[in-house]
Protein backbone atom coordinates (compact mmCIF):
# COMPACT_ATOMS: atom_id res chain seq x y z
CA MET A 1 0.05 -0.08 -0.20
CA GLY A 2 1.09 3.27 -0.49
CA ARG A 3 -0.03 7.40 -0.83
CA LYS A 4 -3.64 7.77 -3.09
CA GLU A 5 -3.20 11.28 -4.06
CA LEU A 6 -0.56 13.62 -5.60
CA SER A 7 -0.18 16.79 -6.70
CA LEU A 8 2.48 17.62 -8.85
CA MET A 9 3.78 20.48 -11.51
CA VAL A 10 6.19 21.25 -14.30
CA GLY A 11 7.51 24.55 -14.98
CA GLY A 12 10.03 26.28 -17.09
CA PRO A 13 10.29 28.91 -20.19
CA ALA A 14 7.71 29.23 -22.95
CA GLY A 15 8.88 26.40 -25.95
CA ALA A 16 10.52 24.14 -23.49
CA GLY A 17 7.44 21.62 -23.51
CA VAL A 18 6.09 22.25 -20.31
CA MET A 19 2.40 21.43 -21.41
CA ARG A 20 3.25 18.48 -23.51
CA THR A 21 5.48 17.21 -20.36
CA GLY A 22 2.56 17.90 -17.98
CA GLN A 23 -0.06 15.80 -20.10
CA VAL A 24 2.80 12.58 -20.11
CA PHE A 25 2.49 13.16 -16.06
CA ALA A 26 -1.11 13.21 -16.21
CA SER A 27 -1.44 9.95 -18.69
CA MET A 28 0.78 8.49 -16.89
CA LEU A 29 -1.27 8.60 -13.76
CA MET A 30 -4.54 7.92 -15.65
CA TYR A 31 -2.71 4.51 -16.70
CA MET A 32 -2.13 3.72 -13.09
CA GLY A 33 -6.13 3.82 -12.21
CA TYR A 34 -5.99 7.51 -10.91
CA TYR A 35 -8.44 10.16 -11.57
CA VAL A 36 -6.40 13.35 -12.67
CA PHE A 37 -6.96 17.16 -13.20
CA GLY A 38 -4.51 19.22 -15.09
CA THR A 39 -4.51 22.73 -15.44
CA ASN A 40 -1.90 25.20 -16.93
CA GLU A 41 -0.54 29.15 -16.91
CA TYR A 42 1.40 31.03 -19.45
CA PRO A 43 1.70 34.95 -20.12
CA SER A 44 0.34 36.28 -23.13
CA LEU A 45 3.31 36.64 -24.84
CA ILE A 46 4.31 35.43 -28.67
CA ARG A 47 7.33 34.17 -26.97
CA GLY A 48 9.16 33.36 -23.91
CA GLY A 49 7.94 33.88 -20.37
CA HIS A 50 7.45 31.37 -17.52
CA ASN A 51 4.80 28.49 -18.38
CA MET A 52 3.22 26.03 -15.80
CA TYR A 53 1.39 22.53 -15.87
CA LYS A 54 -0.27 21.70 -12.40
CA ILE A 55 -2.03 17.96 -11.86
CA TYR A 56 -3.86 16.97 -8.99
CA ALA A 57 -4.32 13.10 -9.37
CA ARG A 58 -6.26 11.05 -6.78
CA LEU A 59 -6.86 7.16 -6.47
CA ASN A 60 -10.58 5.61 -7.16
CA GLU A 61 -12.44 9.08 -6.73
CA LEU A 62 -13.00 11.79 -8.96
CA VAL A 63 -10.95 14.95 -8.92
CA TYR A 64 -12.53 18.41 -9.88
CA SER A 65 -9.52 20.88 -9.69
CA GLN A 66 -5.92 21.87 -8.82
CA TYR A 67 -5.11 22.15 -5.16
CA ASP A 68 -2.83 24.60 -3.90
CA THR A 69 0.38 23.24 -2.92
CA VAL A 70 2.15 20.12 -4.75
CA ASP A 71 4.28 17.14 -3.75
CA ILE A 72 6.48 17.71 -6.22
CA TYR A 73 8.31 19.89 -8.66
CA LEU A 74 10.23 19.60 -12.32
CA ALA A 75 11.80 23.27 -12.71
CA LEU A 76 13.41 23.10 -15.79
CA ASP A 77 15.15 26.49 -14.90
CA GLN A 78 15.95 28.86 -12.35
CA LEU A 79 12.74 31.27 -13.01
CA ALA A 80 10.92 28.19 -12.48
CA ILE A 81 12.32 27.91 -8.98
CA LYS A 82 12.34 31.42 -8.36
CA ARG A 83 8.05 31.91 -9.41
CA ARG A 84 6.97 28.57 -8.08
CA GLU A 85 9.32 27.49 -5.06
CA LYS A 86 6.26 28.88 -2.87
CA GLU A 87 3.76 26.27 -4.23
CA VAL A 88 5.83 23.19 -3.16
CA ALA A 89 4.29 21.75 -0.05
CA GLU A 90 6.36 21.40 3.48
CA ASN A 91 8.21 18.02 2.90
CA GLY A 92 8.23 18.30 -0.74
CA ILE A 93 10.56 18.34 -3.60
CA ILE A 94 11.71 20.43 -6.11
CA ILE A 95 14.00 18.73 -9.43
CA TYR A 96 16.04 20.79 -11.09
CA ASP A 97 18.06 20.70 -14.36
CA SER A 98 21.47 21.33 -12.86
CA ASP A 99 23.06 21.99 -16.29
CA GLU A 100 20.65 24.63 -16.61
CA VAL A 101 20.36 26.14 -13.17
CA LYS A 102 23.62 27.30 -11.64
CA SER A 103 23.64 29.12 -8.69
CA LEU A 104 20.61 27.73 -6.64
CA GLU A 105 19.26 30.24 -4.13
CA LYS A 106 17.28 28.25 -1.30
CA THR A 107 15.04 30.07 0.44
CA ARG A 108 13.43 27.15 2.11
CA ASN A 109 14.70 24.69 4.37
CA ASP A 110 11.32 22.85 4.78
CA ILE A 111 11.51 21.44 1.24
CA LYS A 112 14.49 19.09 -0.63
CA PHE A 113 16.33 20.45 -4.09
CA LEU A 114 17.29 17.47 -5.97
CA PRO A 115 19.57 18.30 -8.96
CA ILE A 116 19.61 16.11 -12.00
CA PRO A 117 21.89 16.95 -15.17
CA LEU A 118 19.16 16.71 -17.66
CA LYS A 119 20.93 18.39 -20.75
CA SER A 120 23.71 16.24 -19.95
CA ILE A 121 21.63 12.88 -19.64
CA VAL A 122 20.50 14.20 -23.43
CA LYS A 123 23.98 14.79 -24.88
CA GLU A 124 25.57 11.41 -23.08
CA LYS A 125 22.93 9.90 -25.32
CA LYS A 126 23.41 11.82 -28.50
CA ALA A 127 19.56 12.68 -28.36
CA PRO A 128 17.58 15.63 -29.78
CA LEU A 129 17.43 18.32 -26.62
CA VAL A 130 13.85 18.40 -27.43
CA THR A 131 13.99 14.89 -25.34
CA ARG A 132 15.25 16.71 -22.21
CA ASN A 133 12.15 16.92 -20.45
CA MET A 134 11.18 12.71 -20.43
CA ALA A 135 14.79 12.42 -18.27
CA GLY A 136 12.89 14.70 -15.62
CA VAL A 137 9.25 12.68 -16.39
CA GLY A 138 11.67 9.24 -15.76
CA ALA A 139 13.27 10.99 -12.66
CA VAL A 140 10.01 11.95 -11.10
CA ALA A 141 8.51 8.25 -11.59
CA ARG A 142 11.53 6.87 -9.89
CA LEU A 143 11.20 8.62 -6.91
CA LEU A 144 7.55 8.19 -6.69
CA GLY A 145 8.22 4.61 -6.97
CA ILE A 146 6.25 4.14 -10.53
CA PRO A 147 7.31 1.10 -12.47
CA PHE A 148 8.69 2.45 -16.02
CA GLU A 149 6.11 1.16 -18.06
CA TYR A 150 3.50 3.51 -16.78
CA VAL A 151 6.14 6.22 -18.40
CA GLU A 152 6.03 4.41 -21.91
CA LYS A 153 2.23 4.17 -21.83
CA ALA A 154 2.37 8.13 -21.44
CA ILE A 155 5.42 8.97 -23.79
CA ARG A 156 3.69 6.61 -26.87
CA ARG A 157 0.31 8.75 -26.07
CA ASN A 158 1.57 12.18 -25.95
CA ILE A 159 5.06 12.39 -27.77
CA PRO A 160 4.20 12.80 -31.77
CA ARG A 161 7.79 12.21 -32.63
CA TYR A 162 11.23 10.69 -31.88
CA ILE A 163 9.35 8.47 -29.78
CA ASP A 164 12.44 6.08 -29.32
CA GLU A 165 14.53 8.67 -28.33
CA ASN A 166 12.12 10.28 -25.95
CA LEU A 167 11.89 6.85 -24.21
CA MET A 168 15.65 6.45 -23.97
CA ILE A 169 16.34 9.31 -22.34
CA ALA A 170 13.07 8.98 -19.94
CA LYS A 171 15.13 5.26 -19.05
CA ALA A 172 18.16 7.59 -18.54
CA GLY A 173 16.57 9.93 -15.87
CA TYR A 174 14.82 7.02 -14.34
CA GLU A 175 17.79 5.33 -13.76
CA TYR A 176 20.35 8.11 -12.91
CA ALA A 177 17.66 8.47 -9.61
CA GLU A 178 17.42 5.26 -9.45
CA LYS A 179 21.29 5.28 -8.89
CA ASN A 180 22.04 8.77 -7.05
CA TYR A 181 18.53 9.30 -4.64
CA ASP A 182 16.31 7.16 -2.52
CA LEU A 183 12.42 6.92 -2.81
CA GLU A 184 12.06 10.24 -1.42
CA LEU A 185 8.30 10.35 -1.06
CA GLU A 186 5.72 7.37 -0.26
CA PRO A 187 5.45 5.73 -3.40
CA LEU A 188 2.08 5.90 -5.15
CA GLU A 189 -0.29 2.97 -4.82
CA ILE A 190 -1.02 1.31 -8.17
CA GLY A 191 -4.51 1.22 -8.97
CA LYS A 192 -6.25 -1.19 -11.65
CA TYR A 193 -6.46 0.79 -15.01
CA LYS A 194 -9.87 1.51 -16.48
CA PRO A 195 -10.49 2.79 -19.56
CA ARG A 196 -10.99 6.62 -19.31
CA ILE A 197 -10.86 9.81 -21.91
CA LEU A 198 -8.09 12.41 -20.97
CA ILE A 199 -9.50 15.96 -22.68
CA ASP A 200 -9.36 19.29 -22.24
CA GLY A 201 -12.59 21.58 -22.38
CA ASN A 202 -11.71 22.78 -26.15
CA THR A 203 -11.44 19.60 -27.77
CA ALA A 204 -14.90 18.20 -25.91
CA THR A 205 -16.58 21.38 -27.67
CA ALA A 206 -15.43 20.64 -30.87
CA ILE A 207 -16.31 16.64 -30.53
CA ALA A 208 -19.63 17.68 -28.83
CA ALA A 209 -20.15 19.82 -32.49
CA VAL A 210 -19.42 17.08 -34.68
CA LYS A 211 -21.52 14.71 -32.68
CA ALA A 212 -24.18 17.24 -32.88
CA GLY A 213 -23.94 17.37 -36.92
CA VAL A 214 -22.24 20.81 -37.35
CA LYS A 215 -21.24 20.67 -41.01
CA VAL A 216 -19.76 24.53 -41.13
CA PHE A 217 -17.45 26.06 -38.84
CA ALA A 218 -16.13 29.41 -38.88
CA ALA A 219 -13.86 31.30 -36.54
CA TYR A 220 -11.08 33.86 -36.01
CA PRO A 221 -7.94 32.97 -33.70
CA ILE A 222 -8.42 34.33 -30.44
CA THR A 223 -7.08 32.76 -27.02
CA PRO A 224 -8.05 30.86 -25.09
CA GLN A 225 -10.71 29.58 -27.98
CA THR A 226 -7.93 29.22 -30.63
CA PRO A 227 -7.79 25.44 -30.06
CA ILE A 228 -11.28 24.43 -30.95
CA LEU A 229 -10.50 26.15 -34.52
CA GLU A 230 -7.10 24.20 -34.70
CA TYR A 231 -8.92 20.54 -33.76
CA MET A 232 -11.73 21.43 -36.26
CA ALA A 233 -9.64 22.27 -38.83
CA HIS A 234 -7.46 19.01 -38.00
CA ILE A 235 -10.70 16.61 -38.51
CA ALA A 236 -12.39 18.73 -41.03
CA ASP A 237 -11.61 16.25 -43.66
CA ASP A 238 -12.51 13.45 -41.81
CA TYR A 239 -16.17 14.40 -40.91
CA ASP A 240 -16.77 16.36 -43.93
CA ILE A 241 -16.81 20.00 -42.28
CA ALA A 242 -16.20 23.21 -43.70
CA VAL A 243 -13.88 24.52 -41.18
CA ILE A 244 -13.20 28.28 -42.38
CA GLN A 245 -10.52 30.84 -40.65
CA ALA A 246 -12.27 33.92 -41.44
CA GLU A 247 -10.41 37.40 -42.01
CA HIS A 248 -11.94 38.80 -38.92
CA GLU A 249 -14.60 38.08 -35.81
CA ILE A 250 -17.18 39.77 -37.74
CA ALA A 251 -16.79 37.83 -41.29
CA SER A 252 -16.66 34.65 -39.06
CA ILE A 253 -20.05 34.77 -37.71
CA LEU A 254 -21.66 36.11 -41.07
CA ILE A 255 -20.41 33.28 -42.51
CA ALA A 256 -21.94 30.85 -39.73
CA ILE A 257 -25.15 32.70 -39.92
CA GLY A 258 -25.27 32.56 -44.08
CA ALA A 259 -24.41 28.36 -43.64
CA ALA A 260 -27.30 28.23 -41.28
CA TYR A 261 -29.84 30.10 -43.52
CA ALA A 262 -28.96 27.44 -46.08
CA GLY A 263 -29.61 24.51 -44.22
CA VAL A 264 -26.71 23.32 -42.34
CA ARG A 265 -25.77 23.08 -38.80
CA ALA A 266 -23.23 26.36 -38.41
CA MET A 267 -21.23 27.20 -35.02
CA THR A 268 -18.54 30.21 -34.44
CA ALA A 269 -16.72 30.18 -31.10
CA THR A 270 -14.93 33.27 -30.07
CA SER A 271 -13.69 34.78 -26.65
CA GLY A 272 -15.31 38.15 -24.80
CA PRO A 273 -13.26 40.89 -27.30
CA GLY A 274 -14.74 38.74 -30.26
CA LEU A 275 -17.67 38.14 -29.49
CA ALA A 276 -18.10 42.14 -29.01
CA LEU A 277 -17.21 42.33 -32.42
CA LYS A 278 -19.71 40.07 -33.18
CA THR A 279 -22.76 41.04 -31.30
CA GLU A 280 -24.52 42.91 -33.38
CA SER A 281 -24.65 40.12 -36.01
CA VAL A 282 -26.11 37.94 -32.92
CA GLY A 283 -28.81 40.27 -33.21
CA LEU A 284 -29.19 39.58 -36.98
CA ALA A 285 -29.26 35.94 -36.20
CA SER A 286 -32.19 36.51 -33.82
CA MET A 287 -34.17 38.98 -35.94
CA SER A 288 -33.82 36.47 -39.01
CA GLU A 289 -34.77 33.51 -36.92
CA THR A 290 -31.53 31.77 -38.30
CA PRO A 291 -30.23 29.04 -36.21
CA LEU A 292 -26.93 29.72 -34.65
CA VAL A 293 -24.61 28.17 -32.05
CA ILE A 294 -22.04 30.33 -30.61
CA VAL A 295 -19.20 29.18 -28.37
CA ASN A 296 -17.71 31.91 -25.80
CA VAL A 297 -14.48 31.20 -24.07
CA GLN A 298 -14.20 33.62 -21.38
CA ARG A 299 -10.84 35.28 -20.42
CA GLN A 300 -9.66 38.09 -18.10
CA GLY A 301 -10.45 41.47 -19.74
CA PRO A 302 -11.56 44.32 -20.03
CA SER A 303 -10.07 45.49 -23.09
CA THR A 304 -7.33 42.83 -24.31
CA GLY A 305 -6.98 42.39 -20.39
CA MET A 306 -4.96 39.22 -19.96
CA ALA A 307 -5.40 37.04 -22.58
CA THR A 308 -4.10 33.97 -21.57
CA GLN A 309 -5.99 34.36 -17.55
CA GLN A 310 -9.01 33.00 -16.07
CA ALA A 311 -12.10 35.09 -15.60
CA GLN A 312 -15.88 34.49 -15.76
CA GLY A 313 -16.40 38.24 -16.59
CA ASP A 314 -18.71 37.96 -19.22
CA LEU A 315 -22.26 36.60 -17.86
CA LEU A 316 -24.40 39.25 -17.79
CA TYR A 317 -22.84 40.75 -21.20
CA THR A 318 -23.79 37.51 -22.78
CA VAL A 319 -27.25 36.74 -21.48
CA HIS A 320 -28.22 40.75 -22.23
CA ILE A 321 -25.96 41.02 -25.16
CA GLY A 322 -26.70 43.38 -28.04
CA HIS A 323 -28.79 46.37 -28.56
CA SER A 324 -32.66 46.43 -27.87
CA GLU A 325 -34.34 43.18 -26.82
CA TYR A 326 -34.37 39.61 -28.48
CA PRO A 327 -34.72 36.38 -27.93
CA LEU A 328 -31.38 33.75 -27.34
CA ALA A 329 -30.43 31.03 -25.13
CA VAL A 330 -27.18 31.03 -23.03
CA VAL A 331 -25.99 27.82 -21.38
CA ALA A 332 -22.86 27.43 -19.30
CA PRO A 333 -21.77 24.03 -18.40
CA GLY A 334 -19.22 23.19 -15.45
CA ASP A 335 -17.18 20.34 -16.77
CA ILE A 336 -16.57 17.86 -19.61
CA GLU A 337 -19.73 15.99 -19.50
CA GLU A 338 -21.66 18.85 -19.43
CA ILE A 339 -19.94 20.11 -22.22
CA PHE A 340 -20.98 17.27 -24.34
CA GLU A 341 -24.69 17.09 -23.22
CA LYS A 342 -25.36 20.76 -23.26
CA THR A 343 -23.30 21.44 -26.71
CA LEU A 344 -25.80 18.77 -28.00
CA GLU A 345 -28.60 20.55 -26.33
CA ALA A 346 -27.71 23.85 -27.48
CA PHE A 347 -27.78 22.66 -31.59
CA ASN A 348 -31.45 20.97 -30.64
CA ILE A 349 -32.48 24.18 -29.26
CA ALA A 350 -30.77 26.95 -32.06
CA GLU A 351 -32.67 24.74 -34.96
CA LYS A 352 -35.91 24.03 -33.05
CA TYR A 353 -36.52 27.64 -31.91
CA GLN A 354 -34.59 29.30 -34.66
CA ILE A 355 -32.60 31.47 -32.12
CA PRO A 356 -28.89 31.60 -31.58
CA VAL A 357 -27.63 29.95 -28.50
CA ILE A 358 -24.18 31.03 -26.75
CA ILE A 359 -22.39 28.08 -24.94
CA LEU A 360 -20.23 30.27 -22.08
CA ILE A 361 -17.32 28.34 -21.01
CA ASP A 362 -14.11 29.77 -19.30
CA LYS A 363 -10.34 29.54 -19.86
CA HIS A 364 -10.21 27.35 -17.22
CA LEU A 365 -12.27 24.90 -18.13
CA ALA A 366 -11.72 25.08 -21.95
CA GLU A 367 -7.58 24.41 -21.48
CA SER A 368 -7.74 22.40 -18.10
CA HIS A 369 -7.38 18.21 -18.63
CA TYR A 370 -9.92 16.02 -16.93
CA THR A 371 -10.36 12.12 -16.89
CA VAL A 372 -13.67 11.27 -17.66
CA ASP A 373 -15.22 8.07 -17.62
CA PRO A 374 -16.69 7.29 -20.96
CA GLU A 375 -19.71 5.78 -19.84
CA ASN A 376 -20.83 9.04 -18.03
CA LEU A 377 -20.98 11.20 -21.28
CA ASN A 378 -24.54 11.56 -22.67
CA LEU A 379 -24.28 11.47 -26.10
CA ALA A 380 -27.56 9.76 -26.90
CA ILE A 381 -29.48 13.42 -27.10
CA PRO A 382 -31.45 12.55 -30.66
CA ILE A 383 -30.46 15.16 -33.27
CA GLU A 384 -33.81 17.59 -33.34
CA ARG A 385 -34.18 20.00 -36.35
CA GLY A 386 -37.72 21.24 -35.98
CA GLU A 387 -40.06 21.56 -38.46
CA ILE A 388 -38.68 21.66 -41.76
CA LEU A 389 -41.29 21.54 -45.04
CA SER A 390 -40.08 19.96 -47.93
CA GLU A 391 -40.92 20.30 -51.53
CA LYS A 392 -43.67 18.01 -51.27
CA ASP A 393 -45.17 19.93 -48.17
CA ILE A 394 -44.95 23.38 -50.24
CA GLU A 395 -46.98 21.55 -53.12
CA GLU A 396 -49.62 20.59 -50.78
CA MET A 397 -49.67 23.81 -49.35
CA LYS A 398 -50.12 25.41 -52.59
CA LYS A 399 -52.95 22.85 -53.10
CA ARG A 400 -54.63 24.18 -50.33
CA GLY A 401 -54.37 27.75 -51.20
CA GLU A 402 -52.01 28.45 -48.75
CA GLU A 403 -49.13 30.78 -48.99
CA TYR A 404 -45.84 29.90 -47.44
CA LYS A 405 -45.09 32.54 -45.38
CA ARG A 406 -41.55 32.39 -43.03
CA TYR A 407 -42.11 34.31 -40.41
CA LYS A 408 -45.68 32.61 -39.82
CA ILE A 409 -47.01 33.50 -36.23
CA THR A 410 -47.38 29.91 -34.67
CA ASP A 411 -48.65 28.90 -31.00
CA THR A 412 -45.29 28.12 -30.29
CA GLY A 413 -43.84 31.41 -31.64
CA VAL A 414 -41.76 28.87 -34.33
CA SER A 415 -42.36 29.24 -38.04
CA PRO A 416 -41.88 26.32 -40.14
CA ARG A 417 -38.60 26.61 -42.02
CA VAL A 418 -37.60 26.01 -45.66
CA PHE A 419 -34.25 25.74 -47.14
CA PRO A 420 -33.40 27.91 -50.10
CA GLY A 421 -33.62 26.62 -52.97
CA THR A 422 -36.79 24.33 -52.36
CA LYS A 423 -38.79 24.08 -55.23
CA GLY A 424 -41.80 26.54 -55.37
CA VAL A 425 -40.67 28.90 -52.72
CA VAL A 426 -38.75 32.30 -51.99
CA VAL A 427 -37.30 32.01 -48.47
CA ARG A 428 -36.65 35.54 -47.12
CA ALA A 429 -34.59 36.30 -44.40
CA GLU A 430 -34.94 40.12 -42.79
CA SER A 431 -32.93 42.14 -40.67
CA SER A 432 -35.03 44.90 -40.47
CA GLU A 433 -38.68 44.47 -38.96
CA HIS A 434 -40.80 42.73 -40.97
CA ASP A 435 -44.13 40.87 -41.59
CA GLU A 436 -45.19 37.11 -41.18
CA ASN A 437 -44.18 37.53 -45.31
CA GLY A 438 -40.85 38.72 -44.45
CA PHE A 439 -41.09 42.34 -46.02
CA TYR A 440 -39.97 45.54 -44.09
CA THR A 441 -43.05 46.71 -41.80
CA GLU A 442 -43.33 49.81 -39.59
CA ASP A 443 -47.07 49.35 -38.95
CA PRO A 444 -47.62 49.01 -35.31
CA VAL A 445 -49.86 46.33 -35.30
CA LYS A 446 -47.76 44.01 -36.68
CA VAL A 447 -44.56 44.72 -35.34
CA THR A 448 -46.24 44.57 -31.74
CA ALA A 449 -47.04 40.63 -33.10
CA MET A 450 -43.87 39.89 -34.53
CA TRP A 451 -41.97 40.85 -31.33
CA ASN A 452 -44.76 38.75 -29.09
CA LYS A 453 -43.92 36.07 -31.93
CA ARG A 454 -40.25 36.37 -31.35
CA TRP A 455 -40.75 35.91 -27.70
CA HIS A 456 -43.22 33.76 -27.15
CA LYS A 457 -40.59 31.15 -28.53
CA LEU A 458 -38.46 31.70 -25.21
CA GLU A 459 -41.58 30.77 -23.18
CA THR A 460 -42.52 27.94 -25.11
CA LEU A 461 -38.41 26.90 -25.12
CA ALA A 462 -38.82 27.14 -21.05
CA ARG A 463 -41.59 25.03 -20.91
CA GLU A 464 -39.91 22.19 -22.85
CA LEU A 465 -36.98 22.64 -20.67
CA ASP A 466 -39.61 21.86 -17.63
CA GLU A 467 -41.53 19.35 -19.23
CA LYS A 468 -38.66 17.33 -20.59
CA ASN A 469 -36.70 17.33 -17.21
CA ILE A 470 -33.45 18.84 -18.90
CA THR A 471 -31.12 19.55 -16.19
CA THR A 472 -30.76 23.71 -15.85
CA ILE A 473 -29.41 23.35 -12.48
CA LYS A 474 -27.67 20.49 -10.40
CA TYR A 475 -27.50 20.01 -6.56
CA TYR A 476 -24.85 18.74 -4.45
CA GLY A 477 -24.33 17.74 -1.23
CA VAL A 478 -26.63 18.11 2.09
CA PRO A 479 -29.79 18.94 1.15
CA ALA A 480 -30.67 22.54 1.47
CA ASP A 481 -32.89 22.71 4.42
CA GLU A 482 -30.18 20.84 6.21
CA ALA A 483 -27.12 22.62 5.40
CA ASP A 484 -25.27 25.04 7.49
CA PHE A 485 -24.91 26.90 4.52
CA VAL A 486 -25.42 26.55 0.36
CA ILE A 487 -22.64 27.82 -2.35
CA VAL A 488 -24.17 29.07 -5.33
CA THR A 489 -21.59 28.82 -8.49
CA TRP A 490 -21.26 28.34 -12.22
CA GLY A 491 -19.02 27.08 -14.91
CA SER A 492 -15.88 25.77 -13.95
CA THR A 493 -15.63 27.18 -10.39
CA LYS A 494 -17.91 24.35 -9.75
CA GLY A 495 -14.50 22.32 -9.43
CA PRO A 496 -12.74 24.32 -6.28
CA VAL A 497 -15.80 24.68 -4.87
CA LEU A 498 -16.74 20.60 -4.73
CA GLU A 499 -13.08 20.04 -3.14
CA ALA A 500 -13.57 22.56 -0.77
CA MET A 501 -16.65 20.75 0.02
CA ARG A 502 -14.67 17.69 0.16
CA ILE A 503 -12.20 19.15 2.93
CA LEU A 504 -14.75 21.22 4.87
CA SER A 505 -16.82 17.53 5.43
CA LYS A 506 -14.11 16.24 7.21
CA ASP A 507 -14.46 18.90 9.85
CA GLY A 508 -18.37 17.91 9.94
CA LEU A 509 -19.88 21.22 8.04
CA LYS A 510 -22.85 20.18 6.26
CA ILE A 511 -22.76 21.93 2.89
CA GLY A 512 -24.93 22.18 -0.41
CA MET A 513 -23.95 23.58 -3.73
CA LEU A 514 -26.56 25.12 -6.37
CA GLN A 515 -24.88 24.88 -9.82
CA VAL A 516 -26.85 27.04 -12.24
CA ILE A 517 -26.30 25.85 -15.92
CA TYR A 518 -29.18 27.81 -17.98
CA MET A 519 -28.79 30.95 -17.92
CA LYS A 520 -31.40 32.01 -20.27
CA PRO A 521 -33.89 31.47 -20.13
CA PHE A 522 -33.35 31.38 -16.27
CA PRO A 523 -34.74 28.63 -14.26
CA SER A 524 -36.42 31.14 -11.51
CA LYS A 525 -38.46 28.19 -9.51
CA LYS A 526 -35.83 26.10 -9.65
CA VAL A 527 -33.38 28.60 -8.08
CA VAL A 528 -35.68 29.83 -5.36
CA GLU A 529 -36.71 26.41 -4.20
CA VAL A 530 -33.21 25.83 -3.14
CA LEU A 531 -32.20 29.37 -2.22
CA GLU A 532 -35.76 29.79 0.10
CA LYS A 533 -34.83 26.61 2.07
CA ALA A 534 -31.32 27.36 2.97
CA ARG A 535 -30.20 29.02 6.40
CA LYS A 536 -27.23 30.86 4.65
CA VAL A 537 -26.41 31.26 0.88
CA VAL A 538 -23.06 32.51 -0.32
CA VAL A 539 -22.04 32.70 -3.86
CA VAL A 540 -18.79 32.12 -5.47
CA GLU A 541 -17.30 33.15 -8.70
CA ASN A 542 -14.57 34.38 -10.87
CA ASN A 543 -15.59 38.04 -11.57
CA TYR A 544 -15.84 41.40 -9.38
CA GLN A 545 -19.15 42.01 -9.72
CA ALA A 546 -20.39 38.12 -8.42
CA GLN A 547 -22.58 38.57 -11.38
CA LEU A 548 -24.47 35.33 -11.30
CA ALA A 549 -26.04 36.56 -7.53
CA MET A 550 -27.12 39.53 -9.93
CA LEU A 551 -28.78 37.67 -12.34
CA ILE A 552 -30.68 35.89 -9.42
CA ARG A 553 -31.53 39.02 -8.34
CA GLU A 554 -32.93 40.06 -11.20
CA TYR A 555 -34.71 36.98 -11.89
CA THR A 556 -36.28 36.20 -8.67
CA GLY A 557 -35.68 39.15 -6.12
CA PHE A 558 -33.41 36.65 -3.93
CA PHE A 559 -30.79 38.82 -2.80
CA ILE A 560 -27.03 37.02 -1.75
CA GLU A 561 -25.53 38.84 0.71
CA HIS A 562 -22.69 36.59 1.52
CA ARG A 563 -20.04 36.60 -2.04
CA ILE A 564 -16.61 35.60 -2.35
CA VAL A 565 -15.27 36.42 -6.02
CA LYS A 566 -11.77 36.33 -7.27
CA TYR A 567 -10.47 38.26 -10.06
CA ASP A 568 -6.99 38.21 -10.17
CA GLY A 569 -6.89 36.06 -13.51
CA ARG A 570 -6.42 32.47 -11.53
CA GLN A 571 -9.16 29.98 -10.72
CA PHE A 572 -9.96 29.25 -7.01
CA ASN A 573 -8.09 26.90 -5.22
CA PRO A 574 -9.83 24.08 -2.75
CA TYR A 575 -8.07 25.21 0.45
CA GLN A 576 -7.58 28.83 -0.06
CA LEU A 577 -11.14 28.89 -1.09
CA SER A 578 -12.37 26.55 2.35
CA ARG A 579 -10.73 29.33 4.75
CA LYS A 580 -13.08 32.21 2.98
CA LEU A 581 -15.95 29.71 3.34
CA LEU A 582 -15.23 29.34 7.07
CA GLU A 583 -14.80 33.04 7.49
CA VAL A 584 -18.57 33.38 5.97
CA VAL A 585 -19.55 30.44 8.37
CA LYS A 586 -18.66 32.12 11.42
């Protein structure tokens, strides 16, 4: 028997393969039967600066977040030690490249510093310098008592080239540590391997869109959304998808709107500044009743802000996007499973109700890696495209003396669609106010009727979400009326909250958590049912104003007094959050 939890970190300069090395560690632990969470941090620079990848792993129990400190840290240069030394736990270890770090300035006596000549190992084996980090991987594995076979599996999974050379260097690092150091930490227990997926939120979003049947994806590169564009481009030919890197943000959303008007499922993706540029076109999609899925990967703002850092500051902007008023849906998944499920739902809602649907995720969720049990992915959601009339339907209408009206007023607010090119009908799309036929109008009676028609779609959608028991909120932990307090949160902040609840429950605290997933239409009744039972409520968010608390006040009138917010560009750490929650309890 050995230890069943581990926190590990890799740090070094940009271009040194820090992220790839972190993914090798994450895969190694996954193959050992561990649930793994891995997250990164890097500066908003074209080149240079310090990069970090942090992992937390636990055997036989789900992991939702990174932790505050790490047990072992692989530092690839002097700056990596200087920047991250404070994050190493008491009695932890820093392994550093003694070829790179010439003068070690120790500021702590409660951790061990173990030098390993990574570059010399590579030089001795006459391998490419890009394999250097694998010597560190091998050394860390040996110090944790991990058999080399798991290192090999992880390298083969993650390293695209020089596989034999990387394996050779990893083995050399493993043997160097074995010869020069004892097992410095309690060995990790080896669990039973179960096939799991190690995936980040951006990739999950792209795969879910493919599963949903997307046929046109148009976007402009912007951090931290760009990996969606890159992954879609990589698989485009395999799934017969038109992937277009447009010349700017406005062009990308207009391309997607045009494709959706033509009859295919279309999506665009961006981050906050890009969404600002797309805003007028979101209104165009809603006014013309063109189905569209938009992914907004939030980052720290305003303006350019910190392009590579975490934030949840776009919630109110997204819900109330654009000038004037118009119906749209906003859904905010908080983990990988929810990304898959809610992306599939988003495409169905967009087409059935002919509205834009915004999938609101954030940098932390988009770029962090999670281990997922495949059986927990809800991929059985059928594709629903709404009422689409065929050429035969049009012929039957004509026989009955009926005229096809693109914006026909119906009981649900949704008008039947016809794709352009269908014989015998003209399919109009109008961005200005219009009548049922799609012709411009300023007639007050017709204008009022069309406004009521469009907004009625959102009322119909809200009823469907309730009637079909679609998950709009989730509740975790002790029932609200029995809890010492209930935490309200959303998006990726769900992860640190769940880990903080785990920590505090060991001290006997009874805690519940309400996660809001659908932001528009807002599940007011369900939210109020929980909050009115709670003795004390605290909201936890990655923004300055506690925007979810403001949204809850707007839609329900319920005021959340206790607020824990973080807006420094980083996600909460569980112990840090636990201490803040204890202050609320006291």
